[in-house]
Amino acid sequence: RGDRFVNTVMTKPVERVLTNQDRCDRCIAQAMYMVTLNNGELYFCGHHFREHEESLVDIAIDIYDSSDVIPVEKEELLQEDYEPLEDPLDTD
């Protein structure tokens, strides 16, 4: 017969766990939120997630909140805003 059988393996989705090595895509702070979009993932610290939360909720497929799981450095809690890292190769 000309029937074709495709062998598919069903696996459970792997839950992504954020660690203190994951960084915000907007600054150098520790990522507390992972936002899954159609074309990938974005990582945010608490400050930047709250700044963009309303629009992210509308477009996200999933939002993983680890703010109650990851210990935050005391200095990060005290800072209001973060500056992006400077490019060490920039000579201007």
N, C-alpha and C. Protein backbone atom coordinates (compact mmCIF):
# COMPACT_ATOMS: atom_id res chain seq x y z
N ARG A 1 0.83 -1.19 0.00
CA ARG A 1 0.00 0.00 0.00
C ARG A 1 0.87 1.25 0.00
N GLY A 2 0.29 2.34 -0.39
CA GLY A 2 1.03 3.58 -0.46
C GLY A 2 0.87 4.44 0.78
N ASP A 3 0.37 3.85 1.88
CA ASP A 3 0.20 4.64 3.10
C ASP A 3 1.56 4.97 3.71
N ARG A 4 1.65 6.17 4.23
CA ARG A 4 2.88 6.56 4.92
C ARG A 4 2.55 6.75 6.40
N PHE A 5 3.44 6.25 7.20
CA PHE A 5 3.30 6.41 8.64
C PHE A 5 4.45 7.26 9.13
N VAL A 6 4.12 8.25 9.89
CA VAL A 6 5.14 9.12 10.46
C VAL A 6 5.23 8.82 11.94
N ASN A 7 6.43 8.53 12.38
CA ASN A 7 6.65 8.25 13.79
C ASN A 7 6.86 9.57 14.51
N THR A 8 5.93 9.93 15.36
CA THR A 8 6.07 11.16 16.14
C THR A 8 6.27 10.80 17.60
N VAL A 9 7.13 11.53 18.23
CA VAL A 9 7.40 11.30 19.64
C VAL A 9 6.84 12.50 20.40
N MET A 10 5.96 12.22 21.31
CA MET A 10 5.38 13.28 22.13
C MET A 10 6.24 13.44 23.38
N THR A 11 6.67 14.64 23.63
CA THR A 11 7.46 14.89 24.83
C THR A 11 6.78 15.99 25.64
N LYS A 12 7.02 15.94 26.92
CA LYS A 12 6.49 16.99 27.78
C LYS A 12 7.31 18.26 27.54
N PRO A 13 6.66 19.42 27.57
CA PRO A 13 7.42 20.65 27.43
C PRO A 13 8.40 20.80 28.59
N VAL A 14 9.57 21.30 28.28
CA VAL A 14 10.57 21.51 29.30
C VAL A 14 10.37 22.89 29.89
N GLU A 15 10.18 22.95 31.19
CA GLU A 15 9.99 24.24 31.83
C GLU A 15 11.34 24.91 31.97
N ARG A 16 11.42 26.13 31.51
CA ARG A 16 12.66 26.90 31.57
C ARG A 16 12.76 27.51 32.95
N VAL A 17 13.89 27.33 33.58
CA VAL A 17 14.11 27.91 34.89
C VAL A 17 15.14 29.01 34.74
N LEU A 18 14.78 30.20 35.17
CA LEU A 18 15.72 31.31 35.11
C LEU A 18 16.70 31.21 36.28
N THR A 19 17.94 31.56 36.01
CA THR A 19 18.96 31.54 37.05
C THR A 19 19.55 32.94 37.20
N ASN A 20 20.44 33.10 38.14
CA ASN A 20 21.06 34.41 38.33
C ASN A 20 22.03 34.75 37.19
N GLN A 21 22.24 33.84 36.26
CA GLN A 21 23.07 34.10 35.09
C GLN A 21 22.26 34.71 33.94
N ASP A 22 20.94 34.57 33.97
CA ASP A 22 20.09 35.14 32.93
C ASP A 22 19.96 36.64 33.15
N ARG A 23 20.08 37.41 32.07
CA ARG A 23 20.10 38.87 32.16
C ARG A 23 18.98 39.50 31.36
N CYS A 24 18.53 40.63 31.81
CA CYS A 24 17.51 41.41 31.14
C CYS A 24 18.00 41.81 29.75
N ASP A 25 17.12 41.74 28.75
CA ASP A 25 17.48 42.14 27.39
C ASP A 25 17.58 43.66 27.25
N ARG A 26 17.15 44.41 28.24
CA ARG A 26 17.20 45.87 28.19
C ARG A 26 18.36 46.44 29.00
N CYS A 27 18.86 45.70 29.96
CA CYS A 27 19.94 46.21 30.83
C CYS A 27 20.73 45.01 31.37
N ILE A 28 21.59 45.26 32.31
CA ILE A 28 22.45 44.18 32.83
C ILE A 28 21.87 43.50 34.07
N ALA A 29 20.71 43.90 34.49
CA ALA A 29 20.12 43.34 35.71
C ALA A 29 19.72 41.87 35.50
N GLN A 30 19.59 41.19 36.60
CA GLN A 30 19.17 39.79 36.58
C GLN A 30 17.75 39.67 36.03
N ALA A 31 17.55 38.73 35.12
CA ALA A 31 16.22 38.52 34.53
C ALA A 31 15.31 37.83 35.54
N MET A 32 14.13 38.35 35.68
CA MET A 32 13.11 37.77 36.56
C MET A 32 11.92 37.25 35.78
N TYR A 33 11.81 37.68 34.53
CA TYR A 33 10.67 37.30 33.69
C TYR A 33 11.18 36.83 32.33
N MET A 34 10.59 35.76 31.83
CA MET A 34 10.86 35.30 30.48
C MET A 34 9.53 35.36 29.72
N VAL A 35 9.51 36.15 28.67
CA VAL A 35 8.31 36.34 27.88
C VAL A 35 8.48 35.60 26.57
N THR A 36 7.61 34.63 26.31
CA THR A 36 7.67 33.86 25.08
C THR A 36 6.74 34.49 24.05
N LEU A 37 7.32 34.81 22.90
CA LEU A 37 6.57 35.40 21.79
C LEU A 37 6.56 34.40 20.64
N ASN A 38 5.85 34.70 19.56
CA ASN A 38 5.82 33.81 18.40
C ASN A 38 7.20 33.55 17.83
N ASN A 39 8.09 34.52 17.93
CA ASN A 39 9.40 34.38 17.28
C ASN A 39 10.56 34.25 18.25
N GLY A 40 10.31 33.97 19.50
CA GLY A 40 11.40 33.77 20.44
C GLY A 40 11.05 34.22 21.84
N GLU A 41 12.08 34.41 22.64
CA GLU A 41 11.91 34.77 24.04
C GLU A 41 12.61 36.09 24.33
N LEU A 42 12.03 36.82 25.27
CA LEU A 42 12.64 38.04 25.78
C LEU A 42 12.77 37.89 27.29
N TYR A 43 13.86 38.42 27.83
CA TYR A 43 14.12 38.35 29.26
C TYR A 43 14.09 39.77 29.83
N PHE A 44 13.44 39.91 31.00
CA PHE A 44 13.31 41.22 31.61
C PHE A 44 13.58 41.16 33.11
N CYS A 45 14.20 42.23 33.61
CA CYS A 45 14.29 42.42 35.06
C CYS A 45 12.91 42.90 35.52
N GLY A 46 12.72 43.00 36.80
CA GLY A 46 11.42 43.45 37.31
C GLY A 46 11.06 44.84 36.85
N HIS A 47 12.03 45.74 36.86
CA HIS A 47 11.79 47.13 36.47
C HIS A 47 11.31 47.23 35.03
N HIS A 48 12.02 46.59 34.11
CA HIS A 48 11.65 46.70 32.70
C HIS A 48 10.40 45.88 32.36
N PHE A 49 10.17 44.79 33.07
CA PHE A 49 8.92 44.05 32.84
C PHE A 49 7.73 44.91 33.23
N ARG A 50 7.80 45.52 34.41
CA ARG A 50 6.69 46.37 34.85
C ARG A 50 6.49 47.55 33.90
N GLU A 51 7.59 48.08 33.37
CA GLU A 51 7.49 49.21 32.43
C GLU A 51 6.73 48.83 31.16
N HIS A 52 6.89 47.58 30.70
CA HIS A 52 6.29 47.14 29.43
C HIS A 52 5.20 46.08 29.62
N GLU A 53 4.82 45.82 30.85
CA GLU A 53 3.90 44.72 31.16
C GLU A 53 2.60 44.77 30.37
N GLU A 54 1.99 45.91 30.29
CA GLU A 54 0.69 46.01 29.63
C GLU A 54 0.75 45.55 28.18
N SER A 55 1.75 45.99 27.44
CA SER A 55 1.85 45.59 26.03
C SER A 55 2.35 44.15 25.90
N LEU A 56 3.20 43.69 26.82
CA LEU A 56 3.70 42.32 26.75
C LEU A 56 2.58 41.30 26.99
N VAL A 57 1.70 41.59 27.92
CA VAL A 57 0.59 40.69 28.22
C VAL A 57 -0.29 40.49 26.99
N ASP A 58 -0.43 41.54 26.19
CA ASP A 58 -1.28 41.46 25.00
C ASP A 58 -0.68 40.58 23.89
N ILE A 59 0.65 40.52 23.80
CA ILE A 59 1.28 39.81 22.67
C ILE A 59 1.97 38.51 23.06
N ALA A 60 2.12 38.24 24.33
CA ALA A 60 2.88 37.07 24.78
C ALA A 60 2.10 35.77 24.64
N ILE A 61 2.81 34.72 24.31
CA ILE A 61 2.24 33.37 24.33
C ILE A 61 2.28 32.86 25.76
N ASP A 62 3.37 33.19 26.47
CA ASP A 62 3.53 32.75 27.85
C ASP A 62 4.45 33.74 28.56
N ILE A 63 4.23 33.93 29.84
CA ILE A 63 5.11 34.76 30.66
C ILE A 63 5.50 33.93 31.88
N TYR A 64 6.80 33.70 32.02
CA TYR A 64 7.31 32.95 33.17
C TYR A 64 7.84 33.96 34.18
N ASP A 65 7.28 33.94 35.36
CA ASP A 65 7.64 34.87 36.43
C ASP A 65 8.42 34.12 37.49
N SER A 66 9.70 34.45 37.62
CA SER A 66 10.52 33.81 38.65
C SER A 66 10.90 34.79 39.74
N SER A 67 10.18 35.90 39.83
CA SER A 67 10.54 36.94 40.79
C SER A 67 10.44 36.46 42.24
N ASP A 68 9.64 35.43 42.49
CA ASP A 68 9.54 34.93 43.85
C ASP A 68 10.45 33.73 44.10
N VAL A 69 11.24 33.35 43.07
CA VAL A 69 12.09 32.17 43.18
C VAL A 69 13.57 32.53 43.27
N ILE A 70 14.00 33.50 42.47
CA ILE A 70 15.42 33.84 42.37
C ILE A 70 15.77 34.89 43.41
N PRO A 71 16.79 34.61 44.22
CA PRO A 71 17.23 35.65 45.16
C PRO A 71 17.89 36.78 44.39
N VAL A 72 17.57 38.00 44.76
CA VAL A 72 18.11 39.17 44.09
C VAL A 72 19.17 39.81 44.98
N GLU A 73 20.25 40.26 44.35
CA GLU A 73 21.27 40.96 45.11
C GLU A 73 20.67 42.23 45.72
N LYS A 74 21.07 42.55 46.92
CA LYS A 74 20.54 43.70 47.64
C LYS A 74 20.69 44.99 46.83
N GLU A 75 21.83 45.16 46.15
CA GLU A 75 22.06 46.37 45.37
C GLU A 75 21.05 46.50 44.23
N GLU A 76 20.64 45.38 43.63
CA GLU A 76 19.68 45.43 42.53
C GLU A 76 18.31 45.88 43.02
N LEU A 77 17.96 45.55 44.25
CA LEU A 77 16.68 45.98 44.79
C LEU A 77 16.65 47.48 45.04
N LEU A 78 17.81 48.06 45.32
CA LEU A 78 17.88 49.47 45.65
C LEU A 78 17.93 50.37 44.43
N GLN A 79 18.35 49.85 43.29
CA GLN A 79 18.46 50.68 42.10
C GLN A 79 17.11 50.85 41.43
N GLU A 80 16.83 52.06 40.99
CA GLU A 80 15.59 52.36 40.29
C GLU A 80 15.70 52.01 38.81
N ASP A 81 16.84 52.31 38.21
CA ASP A 81 17.01 52.14 36.77
C ASP A 81 18.41 51.62 36.50
N TYR A 82 18.58 51.01 35.36
CA TYR A 82 19.87 50.46 34.99
C TYR A 82 20.30 51.05 33.67
N GLU A 83 21.58 51.29 33.54
CA GLU A 83 22.13 51.78 32.28
C GLU A 83 22.67 50.59 31.50
N PRO A 84 22.53 50.61 30.16
CA PRO A 84 23.08 49.53 29.36
C PRO A 84 24.60 49.48 29.50
N LEU A 85 25.16 48.32 29.29
CA LEU A 85 26.61 48.16 29.33
C LEU A 85 27.24 48.98 28.21
N GLU A 86 28.37 49.58 28.50
CA GLU A 86 29.10 50.29 27.46
C GLU A 86 29.88 49.29 26.63
N ASP A 87 29.99 49.58 25.34
CA ASP A 87 30.75 48.73 24.45
C ASP A 87 32.23 48.99 24.66
N PRO A 88 33.01 47.98 25.14
CA PRO A 88 34.43 48.21 25.41
C PRO A 88 35.23 48.48 24.13
N LEU A 89 34.67 48.14 22.98
CA LEU A 89 35.37 48.35 21.72
C LEU A 89 35.05 49.70 21.09
N ASP A 90 34.10 50.41 21.68
CA ASP A 90 33.71 51.72 21.17
C ASP A 90 34.76 52.74 21.56
N THR A 91 35.39 53.38 20.58
CA THR A 91 36.48 54.32 20.85
C THR A 91 36.03 55.77 20.81
N ASP A 92 34.75 56.03 20.61
CA ASP A 92 34.28 57.42 20.57
C ASP A 92 34.26 58.05 21.93
